[in-house]
Amino acid sequence: MVARDHLSNDEFFTQLGNLFEYNRKKGHGTVYLTQKRLAFETEGQAPSSDKVADDPLWDTHPEKPLPILIRANNNKSTPRAGTDREKIDKIALSTIVQPDQLDAFFVRYAEACKAGMSGLKKRDRRGKKDKKKKKKGATETKG
């Protein structure tokens, strides 16, 4: 696994806004947002037996608060045969949020996500209802 440089929180929000705008201009695309806590212990290191014996969920309440890793990407698009989709370069962003900055970060994060979703169209569900009615009508008339 290659280590990536993480953006500062301010740079992350700037780039996240640009990513939403980029997808809006393209007319299609998805932005994947993920978050996970950072553990400082090395992977594969077995917990001490007394931690497991005392509490099987010992890792859910660490001794000190852990920072959070926030990622955003557009999930690199590869064109399929027979489609007119163009190849889109992968854009990946990440930042680390310290525990004492979480509240302020998530306020800005929610605002950025809402702003990024402002151009979404409401999903058209009429097609599914029409198909169900047609199927239901066709089965009733056969009998």
N, C-alpha and C. Protein backbone atom coordinates (compact mmCIF):
# COMPACT_ATOMS: atom_id res chain seq x y z
N MET A 1 0.84 -1.17 0.00
CA MET A 1 0.00 0.00 0.00
C MET A 1 0.89 1.24 0.00
N VAL A 2 0.60 2.16 -0.86
CA VAL A 2 1.39 3.37 -0.99
C VAL A 2 0.79 4.45 -0.09
N ALA A 3 1.64 5.09 0.68
CA ALA A 3 1.17 6.16 1.56
C ALA A 3 0.88 7.40 0.71
N ARG A 4 -0.25 8.04 1.00
CA ARG A 4 -0.63 9.26 0.29
C ARG A 4 -0.51 10.43 1.23
N ASP A 5 -0.26 11.58 0.61
CA ASP A 5 -0.26 12.80 1.41
C ASP A 5 -1.70 13.21 1.66
N HIS A 6 -1.98 13.56 2.89
CA HIS A 6 -3.33 14.00 3.25
C HIS A 6 -3.39 15.51 3.15
N LEU A 7 -4.52 16.01 2.71
CA LEU A 7 -4.74 17.45 2.60
C LEU A 7 -5.08 18.01 3.97
N SER A 8 -4.86 19.31 4.12
CA SER A 8 -5.35 19.96 5.33
C SER A 8 -6.87 19.99 5.23
N ASN A 9 -7.56 20.24 6.34
CA ASN A 9 -9.02 20.25 6.31
C ASN A 9 -9.56 21.31 5.35
N ASP A 10 -8.95 22.50 5.34
CA ASP A 10 -9.40 23.57 4.44
C ASP A 10 -9.18 23.19 2.98
N GLU A 11 -8.02 22.62 2.66
CA GLU A 11 -7.74 22.18 1.29
C GLU A 11 -8.72 21.09 0.88
N PHE A 12 -9.03 20.19 1.82
CA PHE A 12 -9.96 19.10 1.53
C PHE A 12 -11.33 19.66 1.12
N PHE A 13 -11.84 20.64 1.85
CA PHE A 13 -13.15 21.21 1.51
C PHE A 13 -13.12 21.92 0.17
N THR A 14 -12.03 22.61 -0.12
CA THR A 14 -11.90 23.27 -1.42
C THR A 14 -11.92 22.24 -2.55
N GLN A 15 -11.13 21.18 -2.40
CA GLN A 15 -11.05 20.14 -3.42
C GLN A 15 -12.35 19.34 -3.52
N LEU A 16 -13.03 19.14 -2.39
CA LEU A 16 -14.31 18.42 -2.41
C LEU A 16 -15.35 19.21 -3.19
N GLY A 17 -15.38 20.53 -2.98
CA GLY A 17 -16.27 21.38 -3.76
C GLY A 17 -15.96 21.30 -5.25
N ASN A 18 -14.67 21.29 -5.58
CA ASN A 18 -14.26 21.16 -6.98
C ASN A 18 -14.66 19.80 -7.56
N LEU A 19 -14.57 18.75 -6.76
CA LEU A 19 -14.96 17.42 -7.22
C LEU A 19 -16.46 17.35 -7.51
N PHE A 20 -17.27 17.91 -6.63
CA PHE A 20 -18.71 17.96 -6.89
C PHE A 20 -19.01 18.76 -8.15
N GLU A 21 -18.34 19.89 -8.31
CA GLU A 21 -18.56 20.74 -9.49
C GLU A 21 -18.11 20.03 -10.77
N TYR A 22 -17.00 19.32 -10.71
CA TYR A 22 -16.49 18.56 -11.85
C TYR A 22 -17.52 17.52 -12.31
N ASN A 23 -18.09 16.80 -11.35
CA ASN A 23 -19.10 15.79 -11.69
C ASN A 23 -20.37 16.43 -12.22
N ARG A 24 -20.74 17.57 -11.69
CA ARG A 24 -21.94 18.26 -12.16
C ARG A 24 -21.76 18.69 -13.62
N LYS A 25 -20.58 19.19 -13.97
CA LYS A 25 -20.30 19.62 -15.34
C LYS A 25 -20.28 18.44 -16.30
N LYS A 26 -19.79 17.31 -15.85
CA LYS A 26 -19.74 16.12 -16.69
C LYS A 26 -21.15 15.57 -16.95
N GLY A 27 -22.08 15.89 -16.07
CA GLY A 27 -23.45 15.41 -16.24
C GLY A 27 -23.69 14.04 -15.66
N HIS A 28 -22.67 13.42 -15.18
CA HIS A 28 -22.85 12.11 -14.53
C HIS A 28 -21.67 11.89 -13.58
N GLY A 29 -21.79 10.90 -12.77
CA GLY A 29 -20.69 10.57 -11.88
C GLY A 29 -21.17 10.41 -10.45
N THR A 30 -20.33 9.78 -9.69
CA THR A 30 -20.62 9.52 -8.29
C THR A 30 -19.44 9.96 -7.47
N VAL A 31 -19.70 10.51 -6.32
CA VAL A 31 -18.65 10.85 -5.38
C VAL A 31 -18.83 9.93 -4.18
N TYR A 32 -17.81 9.16 -3.89
CA TYR A 32 -17.85 8.25 -2.75
C TYR A 32 -17.18 8.93 -1.57
N LEU A 33 -17.87 8.97 -0.45
CA LEU A 33 -17.36 9.56 0.77
C LEU A 33 -17.24 8.47 1.81
N THR A 34 -16.06 8.32 2.38
CA THR A 34 -15.86 7.30 3.41
C THR A 34 -15.14 7.92 4.59
N GLN A 35 -15.33 7.30 5.72
CA GLN A 35 -14.64 7.76 6.92
C GLN A 35 -14.35 6.56 7.81
N LYS A 36 -13.21 6.62 8.45
CA LYS A 36 -12.86 5.57 9.41
C LYS A 36 -11.89 6.13 10.42
N ARG A 37 -11.86 5.52 11.56
CA ARG A 37 -10.95 6.00 12.59
C ARG A 37 -9.55 5.46 12.31
N LEU A 38 -8.58 6.21 12.72
CA LEU A 38 -7.19 5.79 12.55
C LEU A 38 -6.73 5.11 13.83
N ALA A 39 -6.19 3.94 13.70
CA ALA A 39 -5.63 3.24 14.85
C ALA A 39 -4.11 3.33 14.72
N PHE A 40 -3.46 3.61 15.79
CA PHE A 40 -2.02 3.77 15.75
C PHE A 40 -1.28 2.46 15.92
N GLU A 41 -1.95 1.42 16.39
CA GLU A 41 -1.29 0.13 16.52
C GLU A 41 -1.12 -0.48 15.15
N THR A 42 -0.06 -1.26 15.00
CA THR A 42 0.19 -1.88 13.71
C THR A 42 -0.81 -3.00 13.49
N GLU A 43 -1.18 -3.19 12.23
CA GLU A 43 -2.14 -4.25 11.90
C GLU A 43 -1.50 -5.60 12.17
N GLY A 44 -2.29 -6.55 12.56
CA GLY A 44 -1.79 -7.89 12.82
C GLY A 44 -1.26 -8.06 14.22
N GLN A 45 -1.12 -6.98 14.96
CA GLN A 45 -0.65 -7.06 16.33
C GLN A 45 -1.80 -7.59 17.18
N ALA A 46 -1.56 -8.68 17.85
CA ALA A 46 -2.62 -9.30 18.65
C ALA A 46 -2.85 -8.51 19.93
N PRO A 47 -4.11 -8.32 20.32
CA PRO A 47 -4.38 -7.62 21.58
C PRO A 47 -3.97 -8.50 22.76
N SER A 48 -3.67 -7.87 23.86
CA SER A 48 -3.29 -8.64 25.03
C SER A 48 -4.50 -9.47 25.49
N SER A 49 -4.23 -10.63 26.03
CA SER A 49 -5.31 -11.55 26.41
C SER A 49 -6.20 -10.97 27.50
N ASP A 50 -5.65 -10.12 28.39
CA ASP A 50 -6.48 -9.55 29.44
C ASP A 50 -7.49 -8.55 28.87
N LYS A 51 -7.16 -7.85 27.77
CA LYS A 51 -8.11 -6.94 27.13
C LYS A 51 -9.30 -7.73 26.59
N VAL A 52 -9.02 -8.84 25.93
CA VAL A 52 -10.07 -9.65 25.33
C VAL A 52 -10.91 -10.34 26.41
N ALA A 53 -10.28 -10.80 27.46
CA ALA A 53 -11.01 -11.49 28.53
C ALA A 53 -11.93 -10.53 29.28
N ASP A 54 -11.45 -9.32 29.53
CA ASP A 54 -12.24 -8.34 30.27
C ASP A 54 -13.40 -7.80 29.44
N ASP A 55 -13.14 -7.51 28.18
CA ASP A 55 -14.14 -6.87 27.34
C ASP A 55 -13.91 -7.27 25.88
N PRO A 56 -14.80 -8.05 25.30
CA PRO A 56 -14.60 -8.47 23.91
C PRO A 56 -14.67 -7.30 22.92
N LEU A 57 -15.24 -6.18 23.34
CA LEU A 57 -15.32 -5.00 22.47
C LEU A 57 -14.35 -3.92 22.93
N TRP A 58 -13.18 -4.32 23.38
CA TRP A 58 -12.21 -3.39 23.93
C TRP A 58 -11.80 -2.30 22.95
N ASP A 59 -11.81 -2.62 21.66
CA ASP A 59 -11.33 -1.64 20.68
C ASP A 59 -12.37 -0.58 20.33
N THR A 60 -13.60 -0.71 20.85
CA THR A 60 -14.63 0.29 20.56
C THR A 60 -14.56 1.50 21.49
N HIS A 61 -13.80 1.41 22.54
CA HIS A 61 -13.62 2.55 23.44
C HIS A 61 -12.14 2.65 23.82
N PRO A 62 -11.38 3.31 22.94
CA PRO A 62 -9.94 3.44 23.20
C PRO A 62 -9.67 4.36 24.39
N GLU A 63 -8.46 4.25 24.90
CA GLU A 63 -8.06 5.04 26.06
C GLU A 63 -8.07 6.54 25.75
N LYS A 64 -7.62 6.90 24.56
CA LYS A 64 -7.67 8.31 24.15
C LYS A 64 -8.40 8.40 22.81
N PRO A 65 -9.07 9.51 22.53
CA PRO A 65 -9.80 9.65 21.27
C PRO A 65 -8.86 9.52 20.07
N LEU A 66 -9.34 8.88 19.04
CA LEU A 66 -8.54 8.66 17.83
C LEU A 66 -8.97 9.61 16.72
N PRO A 67 -8.03 10.01 15.88
CA PRO A 67 -8.40 10.86 14.73
C PRO A 67 -9.20 10.06 13.70
N ILE A 68 -9.86 10.77 12.82
CA ILE A 68 -10.69 10.17 11.79
C ILE A 68 -10.07 10.46 10.42
N LEU A 69 -10.05 9.47 9.56
CA LEU A 69 -9.60 9.63 8.18
C LEU A 69 -10.84 9.79 7.31
N ILE A 70 -10.92 10.88 6.56
CA ILE A 70 -12.04 11.14 5.67
C ILE A 70 -11.52 11.06 4.25
N ARG A 71 -12.20 10.30 3.40
CA ARG A 71 -11.80 10.15 2.00
C ARG A 71 -12.95 10.52 1.08
N ALA A 72 -12.61 11.02 -0.08
CA ALA A 72 -13.59 11.29 -1.14
C ALA A 72 -12.93 10.90 -2.46
N ASN A 73 -13.68 10.20 -3.31
CA ASN A 73 -13.15 9.88 -4.64
C ASN A 73 -14.29 9.73 -5.62
N ASN A 74 -13.95 9.76 -6.89
CA ASN A 74 -14.96 9.65 -7.93
C ASN A 74 -14.97 8.26 -8.56
N ASN A 75 -14.25 7.32 -8.01
CA ASN A 75 -14.24 5.94 -8.47
C ASN A 75 -13.98 5.86 -9.97
N LYS A 76 -12.75 6.04 -10.33
CA LYS A 76 -12.27 6.04 -11.72
C LYS A 76 -13.19 5.26 -12.66
N SER A 77 -13.57 5.91 -13.71
CA SER A 77 -14.50 5.31 -14.67
C SER A 77 -13.75 4.74 -15.85
N THR A 78 -14.06 3.52 -16.18
CA THR A 78 -13.49 2.93 -17.39
C THR A 78 -14.63 2.74 -18.38
N PRO A 79 -14.45 3.20 -19.61
CA PRO A 79 -15.52 3.07 -20.59
C PRO A 79 -15.77 1.61 -20.96
N ARG A 80 -17.03 1.25 -21.07
CA ARG A 80 -17.41 -0.11 -21.48
C ARG A 80 -17.61 -0.14 -22.98
N ALA A 81 -17.44 -1.29 -23.55
CA ALA A 81 -17.64 -1.44 -24.99
C ALA A 81 -19.09 -1.12 -25.33
N GLY A 82 -19.28 -0.37 -26.38
CA GLY A 82 -20.62 -0.04 -26.82
C GLY A 82 -21.25 1.15 -26.13
N THR A 83 -20.50 1.81 -25.26
CA THR A 83 -21.04 3.00 -24.60
C THR A 83 -20.28 4.22 -25.07
N ASP A 84 -20.89 5.36 -24.92
CA ASP A 84 -20.23 6.60 -25.34
C ASP A 84 -19.58 7.32 -24.16
N ARG A 85 -19.45 6.63 -23.04
CA ARG A 85 -18.81 7.24 -21.88
C ARG A 85 -17.32 7.38 -22.12
N GLU A 86 -16.80 8.50 -21.73
CA GLU A 86 -15.37 8.73 -21.87
C GLU A 86 -14.66 8.29 -20.60
N LYS A 87 -13.38 8.05 -20.74
CA LYS A 87 -12.58 7.66 -19.57
C LYS A 87 -12.38 8.88 -18.68
N ILE A 88 -12.62 8.70 -17.40
CA ILE A 88 -12.48 9.79 -16.44
C ILE A 88 -11.33 9.43 -15.49
N ASP A 89 -10.44 10.37 -15.28
CA ASP A 89 -9.33 10.14 -14.37
C ASP A 89 -9.83 10.07 -12.94
N LYS A 90 -9.18 9.21 -12.16
CA LYS A 90 -9.58 9.07 -10.77
C LYS A 90 -9.10 10.27 -9.97
N ILE A 91 -10.00 10.79 -9.16
CA ILE A 91 -9.68 11.89 -8.26
C ILE A 91 -9.89 11.36 -6.85
N ALA A 92 -8.84 11.39 -6.04
CA ALA A 92 -8.93 10.89 -4.67
C ALA A 92 -8.42 11.95 -3.72
N LEU A 93 -9.20 12.20 -2.68
CA LEU A 93 -8.87 13.19 -1.67
C LEU A 93 -8.91 12.53 -0.30
N SER A 94 -8.10 13.00 0.62
CA SER A 94 -8.19 12.50 1.99
C SER A 94 -7.66 13.55 2.95
N THR A 95 -8.19 13.51 4.15
CA THR A 95 -7.73 14.39 5.21
C THR A 95 -7.88 13.67 6.55
N ILE A 96 -7.12 14.11 7.51
CA ILE A 96 -7.20 13.54 8.85
C ILE A 96 -7.77 14.61 9.78
N VAL A 97 -8.78 14.23 10.54
CA VAL A 97 -9.43 15.16 11.46
C VAL A 97 -9.10 14.73 12.88
N GLN A 98 -8.54 15.66 13.63
CA GLN A 98 -8.18 15.38 15.02
C GLN A 98 -9.45 15.39 15.88
N PRO A 99 -9.48 14.63 16.97
CA PRO A 99 -10.68 14.51 17.79
C PRO A 99 -11.24 15.84 18.29
N ASP A 100 -10.37 16.79 18.61
CA ASP A 100 -10.86 18.06 19.12
C ASP A 100 -11.45 18.95 18.03
N GLN A 101 -11.28 18.60 16.76
CA GLN A 101 -11.80 19.38 15.64
C GLN A 101 -13.02 18.73 14.98
N LEU A 102 -13.47 17.61 15.49
CA LEU A 102 -14.54 16.84 14.84
C LEU A 102 -15.84 17.62 14.68
N ASP A 103 -16.29 18.28 15.73
CA ASP A 103 -17.57 18.99 15.65
C ASP A 103 -17.57 20.06 14.56
N ALA A 104 -16.54 20.89 14.56
CA ALA A 104 -16.45 21.95 13.56
C ALA A 104 -16.29 21.36 12.16
N PHE A 105 -15.51 20.27 12.05
CA PHE A 105 -15.31 19.65 10.75
C PHE A 105 -16.62 19.12 10.18
N PHE A 106 -17.40 18.41 10.99
CA PHE A 106 -18.63 17.79 10.48
C PHE A 106 -19.70 18.82 10.15
N VAL A 107 -19.67 19.99 10.76
CA VAL A 107 -20.59 21.06 10.37
C VAL A 107 -20.26 21.49 8.94
N ARG A 108 -18.99 21.73 8.68
CA ARG A 108 -18.57 22.12 7.32
C ARG A 108 -18.77 20.99 6.33
N TYR A 109 -18.53 19.76 6.76
CA TYR A 109 -18.68 18.58 5.90
C TYR A 109 -20.13 18.43 5.45
N ALA A 110 -21.06 18.60 6.37
CA ALA A 110 -22.48 18.51 6.03
C ALA A 110 -22.88 19.61 5.05
N GLU A 111 -22.39 20.82 5.26
CA GLU A 111 -22.68 21.93 4.35
C GLU A 111 -22.12 21.65 2.96
N ALA A 112 -20.90 21.12 2.89
CA ALA A 112 -20.28 20.81 1.59
C ALA A 112 -21.05 19.71 0.87
N CYS A 113 -21.50 18.70 1.59
CA CYS A 113 -22.26 17.62 0.97
C CYS A 113 -23.61 18.11 0.47
N LYS A 114 -24.29 18.94 1.26
CA LYS A 114 -25.57 19.50 0.82
C LYS A 114 -25.40 20.35 -0.42
N ALA A 115 -24.35 21.16 -0.45
CA ALA A 115 -24.08 22.00 -1.61
C ALA A 115 -23.78 21.14 -2.84
N GLY A 116 -23.08 20.03 -2.63
CA GLY A 116 -22.75 19.13 -3.73
C GLY A 116 -23.95 18.38 -4.27
N MET A 117 -24.97 18.24 -3.45
CA MET A 117 -26.17 17.50 -3.87
C MET A 117 -27.26 18.42 -4.39
N SER A 118 -27.00 19.70 -4.42
CA SER A 118 -28.04 20.65 -4.81
C SER A 118 -28.49 20.47 -6.26
N GLY A 119 -27.64 19.99 -7.12
CA GLY A 119 -27.99 19.85 -8.53
C GLY A 119 -28.60 18.51 -8.89
N LEU A 120 -28.83 17.66 -7.91
CA LEU A 120 -29.37 16.33 -8.20
C LEU A 120 -30.82 16.42 -8.65
N LYS A 121 -31.17 15.51 -9.55
CA LYS A 121 -32.55 15.43 -10.00
C LYS A 121 -33.27 14.40 -9.15
N LYS A 122 -34.56 14.62 -8.94
CA LYS A 122 -35.34 13.65 -8.20
C LYS A 122 -35.48 12.40 -9.05
N ARG A 123 -35.36 11.27 -8.44
CA ARG A 123 -35.42 10.01 -9.15
C ARG A 123 -36.82 9.76 -9.69
N ASP A 124 -36.92 9.33 -10.95
CA ASP A 124 -38.21 9.05 -11.57
C ASP A 124 -38.58 7.60 -11.29
N ARG A 125 -39.59 7.41 -10.50
CA ARG A 125 -40.02 6.05 -10.12
C ARG A 125 -41.29 5.62 -10.83
N ARG A 126 -41.77 6.43 -11.74
CA ARG A 126 -43.02 6.10 -12.43
C ARG A 126 -42.89 4.84 -13.26
N GLY A 127 -41.75 4.61 -13.85
CA GLY A 127 -41.55 3.44 -14.70
C GLY A 127 -41.80 2.14 -13.96
N LYS A 128 -41.35 2.05 -12.73
CA LYS A 128 -41.54 0.84 -11.94
C LYS A 128 -43.03 0.62 -11.65
N LYS A 129 -43.73 1.68 -11.29
CA LYS A 129 -45.15 1.56 -10.98
C LYS A 129 -45.93 1.14 -12.21
N ASP A 130 -45.61 1.75 -13.36
CA ASP A 130 -46.32 1.40 -14.60
C ASP A 130 -46.09 -0.05 -14.98
N LYS A 131 -44.87 -0.55 -14.82
CA LYS A 131 -44.57 -1.94 -15.15
C LYS A 131 -45.33 -2.89 -14.23
N LYS A 132 -45.42 -2.54 -12.94
CA LYS A 132 -46.15 -3.39 -12.00
C LYS A 132 -47.63 -3.44 -12.36
N LYS A 133 -48.20 -2.29 -12.73
CA LYS A 133 -49.61 -2.25 -13.10
C LYS A 133 -49.86 -3.08 -14.35
N LYS A 134 -48.96 -3.00 -15.33
CA LYS A 134 -49.11 -3.75 -16.56
C LYS A 134 -49.05 -5.25 -16.28
N LYS A 135 -48.07 -5.66 -15.45
CA LYS A 135 -47.95 -7.07 -15.11
C LYS A 135 -49.20 -7.55 -14.37
N LYS A 136 -49.66 -6.76 -13.41
CA LYS A 136 -50.82 -7.12 -12.61
C LYS A 136 -52.06 -7.22 -13.51
N GLY A 137 -52.24 -6.26 -14.42
CA GLY A 137 -53.37 -6.26 -15.33
C GLY A 137 -53.31 -7.43 -16.29
N ALA A 138 -52.11 -7.79 -16.73
CA ALA A 138 -51.96 -8.89 -17.69
C ALA A 138 -52.28 -10.23 -17.02
N THR A 139 -51.89 -10.42 -15.78
CA THR A 139 -52.16 -11.68 -15.11
C THR A 139 -53.65 -11.83 -14.76
N GLU A 140 -54.29 -10.72 -14.47
CA GLU A 140 -55.72 -10.77 -14.12
C GLU A 140 -56.58 -11.07 -15.34
N THR A 141 -56.21 -10.58 -16.50
CA THR A 141 -57.02 -10.80 -17.69
C THR A 141 -56.83 -12.19 -18.30
N LYS A 142 -55.70 -12.84 -17.97
CA LYS A 142 -55.48 -14.19 -18.50
C LYS A 142 -56.45 -15.18 -17.91
N GLY A 143 -56.78 -15.08 -16.65
CA GLY A 143 -57.57 -16.06 -15.91
C GLY A 143 -58.97 -16.06 -16.28
